[in-house]
Amino acid sequence: MNLNEESLQKIAELSRLKIDPKDIQNFLTDFNKVLNYVDTITELNVSSVSDEDLYPNEGNSLRADKAQEGLSRSQIESFAPSFQNGYFVVPKVIET
């Protein structure tokens, strides 16, 4: 499969890319190399590959969810640049 200049321009338009006319040939060459590579991948025989090969069932690899001691209010306050009446004070970002 080879991409032509008209198709490249359409892809560029849909992608909102501006391609300098002097670079079109370079883009066509590179894009066609990618398309040819993808074509070779589709020719691979993968009939012997099973779902288990692609998606091994290794179970949950996350840590156990167990309760533990949290941070104290004074520790939390020490992290904040500004903390008043039990709340973080942040700059106003929405005008009302």
PDB file of N, CA and C in Angstrom:
ATOM      1  N   MET A   1       0.846  -1.180   0.000  1.00  0.00           N
ATOM      2  CA  MET A   1       0.000   0.000   0.000  1.00  0.00           C
ATOM      3  C   MET A   1       0.885   1.235   0.000  1.00  0.00           C
ATOM      4  N   ASN A   2       0.612   2.135  -0.919  1.00  0.00           N
ATOM      5  CA  ASN A   2       1.358   3.383  -0.971  1.00  0.00           C
ATOM      6  C   ASN A   2       0.405   4.562  -0.895  1.00  0.00           C
ATOM      7  N   LEU A   3       0.786   5.515  -0.101  1.00  0.00           N
ATOM      8  CA  LEU A   3       0.002   6.722   0.088  1.00  0.00           C
ATOM      9  C   LEU A   3       0.405   7.729  -0.975  1.00  0.00           C
ATOM     10  N   ASN A   4      -0.576   8.421  -1.540  1.00  0.00           N
ATOM     11  CA  ASN A   4      -0.247   9.461  -2.520  1.00  0.00           C
ATOM     12  C   ASN A   4      -0.348  10.842  -1.874  1.00  0.00           C
ATOM     13  N   GLU A   5       0.038  11.838  -2.625  1.00  0.00           N
ATOM     14  CA  GLU A   5       0.088  13.196  -2.085  1.00  0.00           C
ATOM     15  C   GLU A   5      -1.293  13.688  -1.672  1.00  0.00           C
ATOM     16  N   GLU A   6      -2.307  13.354  -2.444  1.00  0.00           N
ATOM     17  CA  GLU A   6      -3.673  13.792  -2.134  1.00  0.00           C
ATOM     18  C   GLU A   6      -4.135  13.201  -0.797  1.00  0.00           C
ATOM     19  N   SER A   7      -3.853  11.919  -0.582  1.00  0.00           N
ATOM     20  CA  SER A   7      -4.228  11.270   0.679  1.00  0.00           C
ATOM     21  C   SER A   7      -3.457  11.865   1.856  1.00  0.00           C
ATOM     22  N   LEU A   8      -2.185  12.153   1.637  1.00  0.00           N
ATOM     23  CA  LEU A   8      -1.377  12.766   2.687  1.00  0.00           C
ATOM     24  C   LEU A   8      -1.943  14.123   3.076  1.00  0.00           C
ATOM     25  N   GLN A   9      -2.338  14.915   2.094  1.00  0.00           N
ATOM     26  CA  GLN A   9      -2.918  16.233   2.368  1.00  0.00           C
ATOM     27  C   GLN A   9      -4.213  16.096   3.163  1.00  0.00           C
ATOM     28  N   LYS A  10      -5.024  15.084   2.826  1.00  0.00           N
ATOM     29  CA  LYS A  10      -6.281  14.864   3.540  1.00  0.00           C
ATOM     30  C   LYS A  10      -6.001  14.464   4.995  1.00  0.00           C
ATOM     31  N   ILE A  11      -5.034  13.580   5.214  1.00  0.00           N
ATOM     32  CA  ILE A  11      -4.662  13.177   6.572  1.00  0.00           C
ATOM     33  C   ILE A  11      -4.154  14.383   7.356  1.00  0.00           C
ATOM     34  N   ALA A  12      -3.335  15.196   6.726  1.00  0.00           N
ATOM     35  CA  ALA A  12      -2.806  16.390   7.378  1.00  0.00           C
ATOM     36  C   ALA A  12      -3.942  17.348   7.752  1.00  0.00           C
ATOM     37  N   GLU A  13      -4.894  17.485   6.869  1.00  0.00           N
ATOM     38  CA  GLU A  13      -6.033  18.368   7.133  1.00  0.00           C
ATOM     39  C   GLU A  13      -6.856  17.844   8.310  1.00  0.00           C
ATOM     40  N   LEU A  14      -7.141  16.549   8.316  1.00  0.00           N
ATOM     41  CA  LEU A  14      -7.909  15.958   9.401  1.00  0.00           C
ATOM     42  C   LEU A  14      -7.162  16.042  10.731  1.00  0.00           C
ATOM     43  N   SER A  15      -5.834  15.982  10.668  1.00  0.00           N
ATOM     44  CA  SER A  15      -5.002  16.046  11.873  1.00  0.00           C
ATOM     45  C   SER A  15      -4.671  17.478  12.269  1.00  0.00           C
ATOM     46  N   ARG A  16      -5.129  18.403  11.462  1.00  0.00           N
ATOM     47  CA  ARG A  16      -4.852  19.829  11.673  1.00  0.00           C
ATOM     48  C   ARG A  16      -3.344  20.117  11.683  1.00  0.00           C
ATOM     49  N   LEU A  17      -2.651  19.433  10.758  1.00  0.00           N
ATOM     50  CA  LEU A  17      -1.222  19.643  10.585  1.00  0.00           C
ATOM     51  C   LEU A  17      -0.979  20.466   9.330  1.00  0.00           C
ATOM     52  N   LYS A  18      -0.006  21.326   9.395  1.00  0.00           N
ATOM     53  CA  LYS A  18       0.383  22.093   8.219  1.00  0.00           C
ATOM     54  C   LYS A  18       1.723  21.544   7.745  1.00  0.00           C
ATOM     55  N   ILE A  19       1.713  20.999   6.533  1.00  0.00           N
ATOM     56  CA  ILE A  19       2.936  20.432   5.971  1.00  0.00           C
ATOM     57  C   ILE A  19       3.460  21.399   4.919  1.00  0.00           C
ATOM     58  N   ASP A  20       4.698  21.793   5.092  1.00  0.00           N
ATOM     59  CA  ASP A  20       5.340  22.665   4.118  1.00  0.00           C
ATOM     60  C   ASP A  20       5.444  21.905   2.796  1.00  0.00           C
ATOM     61  N   PRO A  21       5.053  22.508   1.689  1.00  0.00           N
ATOM     62  CA  PRO A  21       5.106  21.816   0.394  1.00  0.00           C
ATOM     63  C   PRO A  21       6.464  21.192   0.078  1.00  0.00           C
ATOM     64  N   LYS A  22       7.537  21.795   0.536  1.00  0.00           N
ATOM     65  CA  LYS A  22       8.859  21.244   0.240  1.00  0.00           C
ATOM     66  C   LYS A  22       9.133  19.970   1.048  1.00  0.00           C
ATOM     67  N   ASP A  23       8.325  19.704   2.112  1.00  0.00           N
ATOM     68  CA  ASP A  23       8.516  18.523   2.949  1.00  0.00           C
ATOM     69  C   ASP A  23       7.585  17.378   2.583  1.00  0.00           C
ATOM     70  N   ILE A  24       6.689  17.585   1.645  1.00  0.00           N
ATOM     71  CA  ILE A  24       5.686  16.574   1.306  1.00  0.00           C
ATOM     72  C   ILE A  24       6.336  15.263   0.890  1.00  0.00           C
ATOM     73  N   GLN A  25       7.344  15.316   0.054  1.00  0.00           N
ATOM     74  CA  GLN A  25       7.971  14.092  -0.432  1.00  0.00           C
ATOM     75  C   GLN A  25       8.602  13.299   0.712  1.00  0.00           C
ATOM     76  N   ASN A  26       9.231  14.008   1.663  1.00  0.00           N
ATOM     77  CA  ASN A  26       9.823  13.327   2.829  1.00  0.00           C
ATOM     78  C   ASN A  26       8.743  12.660   3.676  1.00  0.00           C
ATOM     79  N   PHE A  27       7.629  13.363   3.868  1.00  0.00           N
ATOM     80  CA  PHE A  27       6.530  12.790   4.632  1.00  0.00           C
ATOM     81  C   PHE A  27       5.961  11.565   3.926  1.00  0.00           C
ATOM     82  N   LEU A  28       5.788  11.652   2.616  1.00  0.00           N
ATOM     83  CA  LEU A  28       5.274  10.516   1.857  1.00  0.00           C
ATOM     84  C   LEU A  28       6.187   9.303   1.987  1.00  0.00           C
ATOM     85  N   THR A  29       7.476   9.529   1.865  1.00  0.00           N
ATOM     86  CA  THR A  29       8.444   8.435   1.983  1.00  0.00           C
ATOM     87  C   THR A  29       8.353   7.784   3.353  1.00  0.00           C
ATOM     88  N   ASP A  30       8.369   8.603   4.412  1.00  0.00           N
ATOM     89  CA  ASP A  30       8.325   8.070   5.770  1.00  0.00           C
ATOM     90  C   ASP A  30       7.001   7.367   6.057  1.00  0.00           C
ATOM     91  N   PHE A  31       5.903   7.985   5.643  1.00  0.00           N
ATOM     92  CA  PHE A  31       4.587   7.408   5.892  1.00  0.00           C
ATOM     93  C   PHE A  31       4.456   6.069   5.175  1.00  0.00           C
ATOM     94  N   ASN A  32       4.937   5.994   3.959  1.00  0.00           N
ATOM     95  CA  ASN A  32       4.854   4.748   3.200  1.00  0.00           C
ATOM     96  C   ASN A  32       5.731   3.653   3.811  1.00  0.00           C
ATOM     97  N   LYS A  33       6.857   4.029   4.407  1.00  0.00           N
ATOM     98  CA  LYS A  33       7.684   3.045   5.108  1.00  0.00           C
ATOM     99  C   LYS A  33       6.914   2.445   6.276  1.00  0.00           C
ATOM    100  N   VAL A  34       6.207   3.293   7.018  1.00  0.00           N
ATOM    101  CA  VAL A  34       5.410   2.817   8.150  1.00  0.00           C
ATOM    102  C   VAL A  34       4.296   1.894   7.661  1.00  0.00           C
ATOM    103  N   LEU A  35       3.593   2.294   6.616  1.00  0.00           N
ATOM    104  CA  LEU A  35       2.506   1.477   6.083  1.00  0.00           C
ATOM    105  C   LEU A  35       3.014   0.134   5.569  1.00  0.00           C
ATOM    106  N   ASN A  36       4.147   0.130   4.916  1.00  0.00           N
ATOM    107  CA  ASN A  36       4.722  -1.123   4.427  1.00  0.00           C
ATOM    108  C   ASN A  36       5.124  -2.034   5.590  1.00  0.00           C
ATOM    109  N   TYR A  37       5.629  -1.449   6.657  1.00  0.00           N
ATOM    110  CA  TYR A  37       5.984  -2.242   7.829  1.00  0.00           C
ATOM    111  C   TYR A  37       4.738  -2.877   8.440  1.00  0.00           C
ATOM    112  N   VAL A  38       3.675  -2.112   8.546  1.00  0.00           N
ATOM    113  CA  VAL A  38       2.422  -2.647   9.079  1.00  0.00           C
ATOM    114  C   VAL A  38       1.913  -3.775   8.190  1.00  0.00           C
ATOM    115  N   ASP A  39       2.050  -3.629   6.886  1.00  0.00           N
ATOM    116  CA  ASP A  39       1.647  -4.702   5.975  1.00  0.00           C
ATOM    117  C   ASP A  39       2.431  -5.986   6.246  1.00  0.00           C
ATOM    118  N   THR A  40       3.719  -5.874   6.529  1.00  0.00           N
ATOM    119  CA  THR A  40       4.507  -7.082   6.806  1.00  0.00           C
ATOM    120  C   THR A  40       4.065  -7.731   8.111  1.00  0.00           C
ATOM    121  N   ILE A  41       3.627  -6.935   9.080  1.00  0.00           N
ATOM    122  CA  ILE A  41       3.146  -7.489  10.344  1.00  0.00           C
ATOM    123  C   ILE A  41       1.873  -8.290  10.121  1.00  0.00           C
ATOM    124  N   THR A  42       1.003  -7.812   9.249  1.00  0.00           N
ATOM    125  CA  THR A  42      -0.260  -8.525   9.002  1.00  0.00           C
ATOM    126  C   THR A  42      -0.033  -9.868   8.310  1.00  0.00           C
ATOM    127  N   GLU A  43       1.132 -10.071   7.729  1.00  0.00           N
ATOM    128  CA  GLU A  43       1.431 -11.328   7.047  1.00  0.00           C
ATOM    129  C   GLU A  43       1.942 -12.413   7.997  1.00  0.00           C
ATOM    130  N   LEU A  44       2.204 -12.065   9.239  1.00  0.00           N
ATOM    131  CA  LEU A  44       2.727 -13.032  10.193  1.00  0.00           C
ATOM    132  C   LEU A  44       1.683 -14.086  10.511  1.00  0.00           C
ATOM    133  N   ASN A  45       2.149 -15.323  10.663  1.00  0.00           N
ATOM    134  CA  ASN A  45       1.268 -16.421  11.024  1.00  0.00           C
ATOM    135  C   ASN A  45       1.217 -16.506  12.548  1.00  0.00           C
ATOM    136  N   VAL A  46       0.075 -16.162  13.106  1.00  0.00           N
ATOM    137  CA  VAL A  46      -0.083 -16.180  14.557  1.00  0.00           C
ATOM    138  C   VAL A  46      -1.129 -17.205  14.994  1.00  0.00           C
ATOM    139  N   SER A  47      -1.379 -18.175  14.142  1.00  0.00           N
ATOM    140  CA  SER A  47      -2.407 -19.177  14.457  1.00  0.00           C
ATOM    141  C   SER A  47      -2.039 -20.020  15.673  1.00  0.00           C
ATOM    142  N   SER A  48      -0.753 -20.141  15.980  1.00  0.00           N
ATOM    143  CA  SER A  48      -0.347 -20.953  17.127  1.00  0.00           C
ATOM    144  C   SER A  48      -0.330 -20.150  18.431  1.00  0.00           C
ATOM    145  N   VAL A  49      -0.625 -18.856  18.375  1.00  0.00           N
ATOM    146  CA  VAL A  49      -0.625 -18.019  19.573  1.00  0.00           C
ATOM    147  C   VAL A  49      -2.009 -18.071  20.204  1.00  0.00           C
ATOM    148  N   SER A  50      -2.055 -18.467  21.464  1.00  0.00           N
ATOM    149  CA  SER A  50      -3.350 -18.581  22.149  1.00  0.00           C
ATOM    150  C   SER A  50      -3.619 -17.328  22.980  1.00  0.00           C
ATOM    151  N   ASP A  51      -4.860 -17.207  23.435  1.00  0.00           N
ATOM    152  CA  ASP A  51      -5.218 -16.083  24.294  1.00  0.00           C
ATOM    153  C   ASP A  51      -4.406 -16.080  25.580  1.00  0.00           C
ATOM    154  N   GLU A  52      -4.090 -17.280  26.092  1.00  0.00           N
ATOM    155  CA  GLU A  52      -3.302 -17.367  27.321  1.00  0.00           C
ATOM    156  C   GLU A  52      -1.886 -16.822  27.122  1.00  0.00           C
ATOM    157  N   ASP A  53      -1.364 -16.944  25.894  1.00  0.00           N
ATOM    158  CA  ASP A  53      -0.044 -16.376  25.600  1.00  0.00           C
ATOM    159  C   ASP A  53      -0.089 -14.850  25.614  1.00  0.00           C
ATOM    160  N   LEU A  54      -1.185 -14.316  25.142  1.00  0.00           N
ATOM    161  CA  LEU A  54      -1.322 -12.862  25.065  1.00  0.00           C
ATOM    162  C   LEU A  54      -1.708 -12.241  26.405  1.00  0.00           C
ATOM    163  N   TYR A  55      -2.577 -12.943  27.140  1.00  0.00           N
ATOM    164  CA  TYR A  55      -3.107 -12.410  28.391  1.00  0.00           C
ATOM    165  C   TYR A  55      -2.912 -13.427  29.511  1.00  0.00           C
ATOM    166  N   PRO A  56      -1.693 -13.552  30.020  1.00  0.00           N
ATOM    167  CA  PRO A  56      -1.470 -14.550  31.075  1.00  0.00           C
ATOM    168  C   PRO A  56      -2.243 -14.184  32.341  1.00  0.00           C
ATOM    169  N   ASN A  57      -2.791 -15.179  32.994  1.00  0.00           N
ATOM    170  CA  ASN A  57      -3.543 -14.973  34.216  1.00  0.00           C
ATOM    171  C   ASN A  57      -2.595 -15.088  35.397  1.00  0.00           C
ATOM    172  N   GLU A  58      -2.002 -13.987  35.770  1.00  0.00           N
ATOM    173  CA  GLU A  58      -1.035 -13.986  36.863  1.00  0.00           C
ATOM    174  C   GLU A  58      -1.664 -13.545  38.173  1.00  0.00           C
ATOM    175  N   GLY A  59      -2.929 -13.235  38.158  1.00  0.00           N
ATOM    176  CA  GLY A  59      -3.597 -12.807  39.378  1.00  0.00           C
ATOM    177  C   GLY A  59      -3.337 -11.343  39.684  1.00  0.00           C
ATOM    178  N   ASN A  60      -3.849 -10.920  40.804  1.00  0.00           N
ATOM    179  CA  ASN A  60      -3.733  -9.538  41.223  1.00  0.00           C
ATOM    180  C   ASN A  60      -2.340  -9.292  41.787  1.00  0.00           C
ATOM    181  N   SER A  61      -1.622  -8.357  41.210  1.00  0.00           N
ATOM    182  CA  SER A  61      -0.267  -8.075  41.673  1.00  0.00           C
ATOM    183  C   SER A  61      -0.212  -6.863  42.602  1.00  0.00           C
ATOM    184  N   LEU A  62      -1.386  -6.366  43.016  1.00  0.00           N
ATOM    185  CA  LEU A  62      -1.415  -5.219  43.916  1.00  0.00           C
ATOM    186  C   LEU A  62      -1.173  -5.658  45.348  1.00  0.00           C
ATOM    187  N   ARG A  63      -0.800  -4.729  46.166  1.00  0.00           N
ATOM    188  CA  ARG A  63      -0.576  -5.041  47.577  1.00  0.00           C
ATOM    189  C   ARG A  63      -1.913  -5.320  48.257  1.00  0.00           C
ATOM    190  N   ALA A  64      -1.853  -5.980  49.374  1.00  0.00           N
ATOM    191  CA  ALA A  64      -3.063  -6.262  50.145  1.00  0.00           C
ATOM    192  C   ALA A  64      -3.631  -4.949  50.692  1.00  0.00           C
ATOM    193  N   ASP A  65      -4.944  -4.834  50.689  1.00  0.00           N
ATOM    194  CA  ASP A  65      -5.601  -3.639  51.188  1.00  0.00           C
ATOM    195  C   ASP A  65      -5.887  -3.839  52.667  1.00  0.00           C
ATOM    196  N   LYS A  66      -5.079  -3.204  53.501  1.00  0.00           N
ATOM    197  CA  LYS A  66      -5.277  -3.365  54.944  1.00  0.00           C
ATOM    198  C   LYS A  66      -5.203  -2.001  55.611  1.00  0.00           C
ATOM    199  N   ALA A  67      -5.958  -1.870  56.688  1.00  0.00           N
ATOM    200  CA  ALA A  67      -6.003  -0.611  57.423  1.00  0.00           C
ATOM    201  C   ALA A  67      -4.670  -0.382  58.120  1.00  0.00           C
ATOM    202  N   GLN A  68      -4.264   0.866  58.130  1.00  0.00           N
ATOM    203  CA  GLN A  68      -3.044   1.215  58.846  1.00  0.00           C
ATOM    204  C   GLN A  68      -3.177   2.632  59.378  1.00  0.00           C
ATOM    205  N   GLU A  69      -2.292   3.000  60.220  1.00  0.00           N
ATOM    206  CA  GLU A  69      -2.329   4.318  60.835  1.00  0.00           C
ATOM    207  C   GLU A  69      -2.104   5.401  59.784  1.00  0.00           C
ATOM    208  N   GLY A  70      -2.924   6.440  59.815  1.00  0.00           N
ATOM    209  CA  GLY A  70      -2.794   7.542  58.872  1.00  0.00           C
ATOM    210  C   GLY A  70      -1.959   8.670  59.454  1.00  0.00           C
ATOM    211  N   LEU A  71      -1.935   9.788  58.729  1.00  0.00           N
ATOM    212  CA  LEU A  71      -1.183  10.952  59.186  1.00  0.00           C
ATOM    213  C   LEU A  71      -2.003  11.735  60.205  1.00  0.00           C
ATOM    214  N   SER A  72      -1.319  12.352  61.131  1.00  0.00           N
ATOM    215  CA  SER A  72      -1.995  13.200  62.115  1.00  0.00           C
ATOM    216  C   SER A  72      -2.282  14.557  61.469  1.00  0.00           C
ATOM    217  N   ARG A  73      -3.212  15.310  62.076  1.00  0.00           N
ATOM    218  CA  ARG A  73      -3.544  16.636  61.548  1.00  0.00           C
ATOM    219  C   ARG A  73      -2.314  17.539  61.520  1.00  0.00           C
ATOM    220  N   SER A  74      -1.464  17.462  62.523  1.00  0.00           N
ATOM    221  CA  SER A  74      -0.272  18.320  62.545  1.00  0.00           C
ATOM    222  C   SER A  74       0.691  17.953  61.414  1.00  0.00           C
ATOM    223  N   GLN A  75       0.785  16.644  61.085  1.00  0.00           N
ATOM    224  CA  GLN A  75       1.630  16.243  59.956  1.00  0.00           C
ATOM    225  C   GLN A  75       1.051  16.779  58.642  1.00  0.00           C
ATOM    226  N   ILE A  76      -0.254  16.682  58.501  1.00  0.00           N
ATOM    227  CA  ILE A  76      -0.904  17.180  57.276  1.00  0.00           C
ATOM    228  C   ILE A  76      -0.707  18.681  57.166  1.00  0.00           C
ATOM    229  N   GLU A  77      -0.888  19.388  58.271  1.00  0.00           N
ATOM    230  CA  GLU A  77      -0.713  20.849  58.259  1.00  0.00           C
ATOM    231  C   GLU A  77       0.707  21.233  57.873  1.00  0.00           C
ATOM    232  N   SER A  78       1.688  20.413  58.239  1.00  0.00           N
ATOM    233  CA  SER A  78       3.078  20.752  57.932  1.00  0.00           C
ATOM    234  C   SER A  78       3.373  20.672  56.429  1.00  0.00           C
ATOM    235  N   PHE A  79       2.565  19.910  55.676  1.00  0.00           N
ATOM    236  CA  PHE A  79       2.767  19.795  54.236  1.00  0.00           C
ATOM    237  C   PHE A  79       2.200  20.988  53.474  1.00  0.00           C
ATOM    238  N   ALA A  80       1.202  21.632  54.044  1.00  0.00           N
ATOM    239  CA  ALA A  80       0.465  22.667  53.322  1.00  0.00           C
ATOM    240  C   ALA A  80       1.134  24.021  53.460  1.00  0.00           C
ATOM    241  N   PRO A  81       1.186  24.785  52.359  1.00  0.00           N
ATOM    242  CA  PRO A  81       1.727  26.143  52.466  1.00  0.00           C
ATOM    243  C   PRO A  81       0.841  27.020  53.336  1.00  0.00           C
ATOM    244  N   SER A  82      -0.495  26.738  53.312  1.00  0.00           N
ATOM    245  CA  SER A  82      -1.429  27.505  54.120  1.00  0.00           C
ATOM    246  C   SER A  82      -2.562  26.579  54.560  1.00  0.00           C
ATOM    247  N   PHE A  83      -2.858  26.597  55.863  1.00  0.00           N
ATOM    248  CA  PHE A  83      -3.858  25.698  56.430  1.00  0.00           C
ATOM    249  C   PHE A  83      -4.589  26.481  57.510  1.00  0.00           C
ATOM    250  N   GLN A  84      -5.926  26.634  57.384  1.00  0.00           N
ATOM    251  CA  GLN A  84      -6.699  27.397  58.365  1.00  0.00           C
ATOM    252  C   GLN A  84      -7.979  26.658  58.719  1.00  0.00           C
ATOM    253  N   ASN A  85      -8.296  26.594  59.994  1.00  0.00           N
ATOM    254  CA  ASN A  85      -9.538  25.986  60.491  1.00  0.00           C
ATOM    255  C   ASN A  85      -9.747  24.572  59.960  1.00  0.00           C
ATOM    256  N   GLY A  86      -8.673  23.796  59.824  1.00  0.00           N
ATOM    257  CA  GLY A  86      -8.793  22.418  59.383  1.00  0.00           C
ATOM    258  C   GLY A  86      -8.872  22.237  57.878  1.00  0.00           C
ATOM    259  N   TYR A  87      -8.618  23.292  57.104  1.00  0.00           N
ATOM    260  CA  TYR A  87      -8.725  23.225  55.636  1.00  0.00           C
ATOM    261  C   TYR A  87      -7.457  23.756  54.986  1.00  0.00           C
ATOM    262  N   PHE A  88      -7.145  23.219  53.804  1.00  0.00           N
ATOM    263  CA  PHE A  88      -6.075  23.774  52.987  1.00  0.00           C
ATOM    264  C   PHE A  88      -6.563  25.084  52.394  1.00  0.00           C
ATOM    265  N   VAL A  89      -5.723  26.086  52.389  1.00  0.00           N
ATOM    266  CA  VAL A  89      -6.065  27.355  51.761  1.00  0.00           C
ATOM    267  C   VAL A  89      -5.339  27.414  50.435  1.00  0.00           C
ATOM    268  N   VAL A  90      -6.120  27.595  49.348  1.00  0.00           N
ATOM    269  CA  VAL A  90      -5.554  27.634  47.993  1.00  0.00           C
ATOM    270  C   VAL A  90      -5.996  28.919  47.322  1.00  0.00           C
ATOM    271  N   PRO A  91      -5.270  29.340  46.283  1.00  0.00           N
ATOM    272  CA  PRO A  91      -5.676  30.549  45.573  1.00  0.00           C
ATOM    273  C   PRO A  91      -7.029  30.351  44.888  1.00  0.00           C
ATOM    274  N   LYS A  92      -7.795  31.410  44.838  1.00  0.00           N
ATOM    275  CA  LYS A  92      -9.083  31.375  44.179  1.00  0.00           C
ATOM    276  C   LYS A  92      -8.853  31.255  42.684  1.00  0.00           C
ATOM    277  N   VAL A  93      -9.528  30.287  42.034  1.00  0.00           N
ATOM    278  CA  VAL A  93      -9.338  30.086  40.598  1.00  0.00           C
ATOM    279  C   VAL A  93     -10.601  30.360  39.798  1.00  0.00           C
ATOM    280  N   ILE A  94     -11.734  30.426  40.460  1.00  0.00           N
ATOM    281  CA  ILE A  94     -13.002  30.694  39.770  1.00  0.00           C
ATOM    282  C   ILE A  94     -13.629  31.942  40.360  1.00  0.00           C
ATOM    283  N   GLU A  95     -13.876  32.890  39.518  1.00  0.00           N
ATOM    284  CA  GLU A  95     -14.531  34.122  39.966  1.00  0.00           C
ATOM    285  C   GLU A  95     -16.034  33.906  40.000  1.00  0.00           C
ATOM    286  N   THR A  96     -16.688  34.391  41.065  1.00  0.00           N
ATOM    287  CA  THR A  96     -18.149  34.246  41.153  1.00  0.00           C
ATOM    288  C   THR A  96     -18.822  35.574  41.018  1.00  0.00           C
TER     289      THR A  96
END
